[in-house]
């Protein structure tokens, strides 16, 4: 690939291996001389479903869907869907006037 690029740029075939060696050596040198960055892994964010469960665990009284939606930052319909999924998993249950964590 590099040889084709050099040929396209107008380098003669006789000089091509020499140029390829020089370019590869430069790339290796640049790769070695680059300072390595140590990056921290970002903290894993809680999913909305996890936020719903943790909110319900903190509450003493049953919570309405609208209250949970406001607290979690999701729409009412999405929160309702999460609650039904979580109920199927056995993490929350519906009481008289709202939802509670098990």
N, C-alpha and C. Protein backbone atom coordinates (compact mmCIF):
# COMPACT_ATOMS: atom_id res chain seq x y z
N UNK A 1 0.83 -1.19 0.00
CA UNK A 1 0.00 0.00 0.00
C UNK A 1 0.88 1.26 0.00
N UNK A 2 1.87 1.26 0.88
CA UNK A 2 2.77 2.41 0.97
C UNK A 2 3.56 2.57 -0.32
N UNK A 3 3.93 1.44 -0.92
CA UNK A 3 4.67 1.49 -2.18
C UNK A 3 3.84 2.11 -3.29
N UNK A 4 2.57 1.79 -3.35
CA UNK A 4 1.69 2.36 -4.36
C UNK A 4 1.52 3.86 -4.16
N UNK A 5 1.44 4.27 -2.91
CA UNK A 5 1.32 5.71 -2.63
C UNK A 5 2.56 6.44 -3.09
N UNK A 6 3.75 5.88 -2.78
CA UNK A 6 4.99 6.52 -3.21
C UNK A 6 5.10 6.57 -4.73
N UNK A 7 4.67 5.51 -5.39
CA UNK A 7 4.69 5.49 -6.84
C UNK A 7 3.75 6.56 -7.41
N UNK A 8 2.60 6.68 -6.79
CA UNK A 8 1.63 7.68 -7.23
C UNK A 8 2.18 9.09 -7.03
N UNK A 9 2.95 9.29 -5.95
CA UNK A 9 3.54 10.61 -5.69
C UNK A 9 4.70 10.92 -6.64
N UNK A 10 5.17 9.92 -7.38
CA UNK A 10 6.20 10.21 -8.39
C UNK A 10 7.58 9.70 -8.03
N UNK A 11 7.72 8.93 -6.98
CA UNK A 11 9.02 8.38 -6.64
C UNK A 11 9.33 7.23 -7.59
N UNK A 12 10.58 7.14 -7.96
CA UNK A 12 10.99 6.09 -8.89
C UNK A 12 11.01 4.75 -8.18
N UNK A 13 10.87 3.69 -8.98
CA UNK A 13 10.80 2.35 -8.41
C UNK A 13 12.09 1.96 -7.70
N UNK A 14 13.22 2.46 -8.18
CA UNK A 14 14.50 2.10 -7.57
C UNK A 14 14.60 2.63 -6.15
N UNK A 15 14.04 3.82 -5.90
CA UNK A 15 14.15 4.44 -4.59
C UNK A 15 13.01 4.03 -3.66
N UNK A 16 12.04 3.33 -4.19
CA UNK A 16 10.85 3.00 -3.41
C UNK A 16 11.19 2.20 -2.13
N UNK A 17 11.97 1.11 -2.19
CA UNK A 17 12.26 0.38 -0.95
C UNK A 17 12.98 1.23 0.09
N UNK A 18 13.87 2.10 -0.38
CA UNK A 18 14.59 2.98 0.53
C UNK A 18 13.63 3.95 1.21
N UNK A 19 12.70 4.53 0.45
CA UNK A 19 11.74 5.47 1.01
C UNK A 19 10.79 4.75 1.97
N UNK A 20 10.39 3.54 1.60
CA UNK A 20 9.50 2.78 2.47
C UNK A 20 10.18 2.52 3.81
N UNK A 21 11.46 2.13 3.78
CA UNK A 21 12.20 1.89 5.02
C UNK A 21 12.28 3.15 5.87
N UNK A 22 12.57 4.28 5.24
CA UNK A 22 12.69 5.53 5.97
C UNK A 22 11.35 5.92 6.62
N UNK A 23 10.28 5.78 5.85
CA UNK A 23 8.95 6.16 6.38
C UNK A 23 8.56 5.23 7.52
N UNK A 24 8.79 3.94 7.35
CA UNK A 24 8.46 3.00 8.42
C UNK A 24 9.29 3.27 9.67
N UNK A 25 10.58 3.57 9.48
CA UNK A 25 11.44 3.88 10.62
C UNK A 25 10.95 5.14 11.34
N UNK A 26 10.52 6.14 10.58
CA UNK A 26 9.99 7.36 11.18
C UNK A 26 8.72 7.07 11.96
N UNK A 27 7.83 6.25 11.39
CA UNK A 27 6.59 5.91 12.08
C UNK A 27 6.87 5.17 13.38
N UNK A 28 7.83 4.24 13.34
CA UNK A 28 8.19 3.50 14.55
C UNK A 28 8.76 4.44 15.59
N UNK A 29 9.65 5.35 15.15
CA UNK A 29 10.25 6.30 16.07
C UNK A 29 9.19 7.20 16.70
N UNK A 30 8.25 7.67 15.89
CA UNK A 30 7.19 8.52 16.42
C UNK A 30 6.31 7.76 17.40
N UNK A 31 6.06 6.50 17.10
CA UNK A 31 5.22 5.67 17.98
C UNK A 31 5.92 5.46 19.32
N UNK A 32 7.23 5.23 19.28
CA UNK A 32 7.98 4.99 20.52
C UNK A 32 8.08 6.28 21.33
N UNK A 33 8.29 7.40 20.66
CA UNK A 33 8.53 8.65 21.38
C UNK A 33 7.25 9.31 21.90
N UNK A 34 6.09 8.78 21.52
CA UNK A 34 4.84 9.37 22.01
C UNK A 34 4.70 9.13 23.51
N UNK A 35 4.35 10.16 24.26
CA UNK A 35 4.10 9.92 25.68
C UNK A 35 2.80 9.14 25.85
N UNK A 36 2.83 8.18 26.73
CA UNK A 36 1.63 7.38 26.95
C UNK A 36 0.73 8.08 27.95
N UNK A 37 -0.52 8.16 27.59
CA UNK A 37 -1.50 8.76 28.48
C UNK A 37 -2.16 7.68 29.30
N UNK A 38 -2.23 7.93 30.57
CA UNK A 38 -2.94 7.00 31.43
C UNK A 38 -4.29 7.63 31.71
N UNK A 39 -5.32 7.00 31.19
CA UNK A 39 -6.65 7.55 31.37
C UNK A 39 -7.42 6.69 32.36
N UNK A 40 -8.19 7.36 33.16
CA UNK A 40 -9.01 6.65 34.12
C UNK A 40 -10.29 6.21 33.42
N UNK A 41 -10.75 5.06 33.82
CA UNK A 41 -11.99 4.57 33.26
C UNK A 41 -13.14 5.37 33.85
N UNK A 42 -14.09 5.74 33.02
CA UNK A 42 -15.23 6.49 33.56
C UNK A 42 -16.07 5.60 34.47
N UNK A 43 -16.64 6.23 35.48
CA UNK A 43 -17.49 5.48 36.40
C UNK A 43 -18.73 5.02 35.66
N UNK A 44 -19.15 3.82 35.99
CA UNK A 44 -20.35 3.29 35.36
C UNK A 44 -21.57 4.02 35.90
N UNK A 45 -22.38 4.53 35.00
CA UNK A 45 -23.58 5.24 35.42
C UNK A 45 -24.68 4.23 35.71
N UNK A 46 -25.56 4.62 36.60
CA UNK A 46 -26.71 3.79 36.89
C UNK A 46 -27.70 3.89 35.74
N UNK A 47 -28.33 2.78 35.44
CA UNK A 47 -29.37 2.82 34.44
C UNK A 47 -30.63 3.39 35.09
N UNK A 48 -31.58 3.76 34.25
CA UNK A 48 -32.83 4.32 34.78
C UNK A 48 -33.57 3.29 35.63
N UNK A 49 -33.51 2.03 35.22
CA UNK A 49 -34.18 0.99 36.01
C UNK A 49 -33.55 0.87 37.39
N UNK A 50 -32.22 0.93 37.45
CA UNK A 50 -31.54 0.88 38.75
C UNK A 50 -31.89 2.09 39.60
N UNK A 51 -32.03 3.25 38.94
CA UNK A 51 -32.39 4.46 39.67
C UNK A 51 -33.80 4.34 40.25
N UNK A 52 -34.71 3.70 39.51
CA UNK A 52 -36.07 3.51 40.00
C UNK A 52 -36.05 2.64 41.25
N UNK A 53 -35.31 1.54 41.21
CA UNK A 53 -35.25 0.63 42.36
C UNK A 53 -34.63 1.32 43.57
N UNK A 54 -33.53 2.03 43.36
CA UNK A 54 -32.88 2.70 44.49
C UNK A 54 -33.77 3.79 45.08
N UNK A 55 -34.52 4.48 44.25
CA UNK A 55 -35.44 5.51 44.75
C UNK A 55 -36.55 4.87 45.59
N UNK A 56 -37.07 3.76 45.12
CA UNK A 56 -38.14 3.09 45.86
C UNK A 56 -37.63 2.48 47.16
N UNK A 57 -36.39 2.05 47.20
CA UNK A 57 -35.82 1.51 48.44
C UNK A 57 -35.65 2.60 49.49
N UNK A 58 -35.35 3.82 49.06
CA UNK A 58 -35.17 4.92 50.00
C UNK A 58 -36.48 5.43 50.57
N UNK A 59 -37.54 5.27 49.82
CA UNK A 59 -38.86 5.76 50.27
C UNK A 59 -39.48 4.78 51.24
N UNK A 60 -40.22 5.32 52.20
CA UNK A 60 -40.92 4.47 53.16
C UNK A 60 -42.34 4.18 52.68
N UNK A 61 -42.93 5.15 52.00
CA UNK A 61 -44.29 5.00 51.52
C UNK A 61 -44.29 4.61 50.05
N UNK A 62 -45.39 4.03 49.57
CA UNK A 62 -45.48 3.73 48.13
C UNK A 62 -45.42 5.03 47.31
N UNK A 63 -44.79 4.94 46.16
CA UNK A 63 -44.61 6.11 45.29
C UNK A 63 -45.46 5.97 44.05
N UNK A 64 -46.03 7.08 43.61
CA UNK A 64 -46.81 7.09 42.38
C UNK A 64 -45.86 7.15 41.19
N UNK A 65 -46.36 6.73 40.06
CA UNK A 65 -45.55 6.69 38.84
C UNK A 65 -45.06 8.08 38.47
N UNK A 66 -45.91 9.08 38.64
CA UNK A 66 -45.52 10.45 38.28
C UNK A 66 -44.36 10.94 39.15
N UNK A 67 -44.39 10.61 40.45
CA UNK A 67 -43.31 11.02 41.35
C UNK A 67 -41.99 10.34 40.97
N UNK A 68 -42.09 9.07 40.65
CA UNK A 68 -40.88 8.32 40.27
C UNK A 68 -40.31 8.88 38.97
N UNK A 69 -41.18 9.19 38.02
CA UNK A 69 -40.73 9.74 36.73
C UNK A 69 -40.00 11.06 36.91
N UNK A 70 -40.52 11.92 37.76
CA UNK A 70 -39.85 13.21 38.03
C UNK A 70 -38.49 12.99 38.65
N UNK A 71 -38.44 12.11 39.61
CA UNK A 71 -37.21 11.88 40.36
C UNK A 71 -36.12 11.25 39.48
N UNK A 72 -36.52 10.32 38.63
CA UNK A 72 -35.57 9.60 37.79
C UNK A 72 -35.19 10.39 36.55
N UNK A 73 -36.10 11.23 36.07
CA UNK A 73 -35.82 12.02 34.87
C UNK A 73 -36.24 11.30 33.61
N UNK A 74 -37.34 10.59 33.68
CA UNK A 74 -37.87 9.89 32.52
C UNK A 74 -39.34 10.26 32.35
N UNK A 75 -39.91 9.89 31.23
CA UNK A 75 -41.32 10.17 31.02
C UNK A 75 -42.15 9.19 31.85
N UNK A 76 -43.41 9.51 32.01
CA UNK A 76 -44.30 8.67 32.80
C UNK A 76 -44.46 7.31 32.14
N UNK A 77 -44.62 7.31 30.83
CA UNK A 77 -44.80 6.04 30.12
C UNK A 77 -43.57 5.15 30.24
N UNK A 78 -42.39 5.74 30.10
CA UNK A 78 -41.15 4.97 30.23
C UNK A 78 -41.00 4.43 31.63
N UNK A 79 -41.31 5.24 32.62
CA UNK A 79 -41.23 4.80 34.01
C UNK A 79 -42.21 3.66 34.28
N UNK A 80 -43.38 3.76 33.72
CA UNK A 80 -44.38 2.70 33.88
C UNK A 80 -43.85 1.39 33.28
N UNK A 81 -43.23 1.50 32.12
CA UNK A 81 -42.66 0.32 31.47
C UNK A 81 -41.56 -0.29 32.33
N UNK A 82 -40.67 0.56 32.89
CA UNK A 82 -39.62 0.07 33.78
C UNK A 82 -40.20 -0.64 34.99
N UNK A 83 -41.25 -0.06 35.55
CA UNK A 83 -41.86 -0.66 36.73
C UNK A 83 -42.44 -2.04 36.42
N UNK A 84 -43.05 -2.19 35.28
CA UNK A 84 -43.59 -3.50 34.92
C UNK A 84 -42.48 -4.51 34.68
N UNK A 85 -41.37 -4.08 34.05
CA UNK A 85 -40.22 -4.97 33.88
C UNK A 85 -39.66 -5.39 35.24
N UNK A 86 -39.51 -4.41 36.12
CA UNK A 86 -38.95 -4.70 37.44
C UNK A 86 -39.89 -5.58 38.26
N UNK A 87 -41.20 -5.41 38.08
CA UNK A 87 -42.15 -6.26 38.78
C UNK A 87 -42.04 -7.70 38.28
N UNK A 88 -41.83 -7.85 37.00
CA UNK A 88 -41.65 -9.18 36.43
C UNK A 88 -40.38 -9.84 36.96
N UNK A 89 -39.35 -9.03 37.19
CA UNK A 89 -38.09 -9.54 37.75
C UNK A 89 -38.19 -9.79 39.25
N UNK A 90 -39.22 -9.25 39.88
CA UNK A 90 -39.42 -9.44 41.31
C UNK A 90 -38.73 -8.42 42.19
N UNK A 91 -38.35 -7.29 41.64
CA UNK A 91 -37.64 -6.27 42.41
C UNK A 91 -38.58 -5.24 43.02
N UNK A 92 -39.72 -5.01 42.40
CA UNK A 92 -40.70 -4.05 42.93
C UNK A 92 -42.09 -4.71 42.87
N UNK A 93 -43.00 -4.10 43.59
CA UNK A 93 -44.38 -4.59 43.53
C UNK A 93 -45.33 -3.41 43.69
N UNK A 94 -46.54 -3.61 43.20
CA UNK A 94 -47.54 -2.56 43.26
C UNK A 94 -48.36 -2.73 44.53
N UNK A 95 -48.45 -1.66 45.30
CA UNK A 95 -49.26 -1.66 46.51
C UNK A 95 -50.53 -0.87 46.23
N UNK A 96 -51.27 -0.52 47.27
CA UNK A 96 -52.56 0.16 47.13
C UNK A 96 -52.49 1.39 46.23
N UNK A 97 -51.63 2.36 46.61
CA UNK A 97 -51.63 3.64 45.90
C UNK A 97 -50.32 3.91 45.16
N UNK A 98 -49.47 2.94 45.05
CA UNK A 98 -48.21 3.20 44.37
C UNK A 98 -47.33 1.97 44.30
N UNK A 99 -46.03 2.20 44.10
CA UNK A 99 -45.06 1.14 43.92
C UNK A 99 -44.05 1.15 45.07
N UNK A 100 -43.62 -0.03 45.51
CA UNK A 100 -42.60 -0.16 46.55
C UNK A 100 -41.56 -1.19 46.10
N UNK A 101 -40.36 -1.08 46.66
CA UNK A 101 -39.31 -2.06 46.38
C UNK A 101 -39.47 -3.24 47.32
N UNK A 102 -39.11 -4.41 46.85
CA UNK A 102 -39.20 -5.61 47.69
C UNK A 102 -37.98 -5.74 48.56
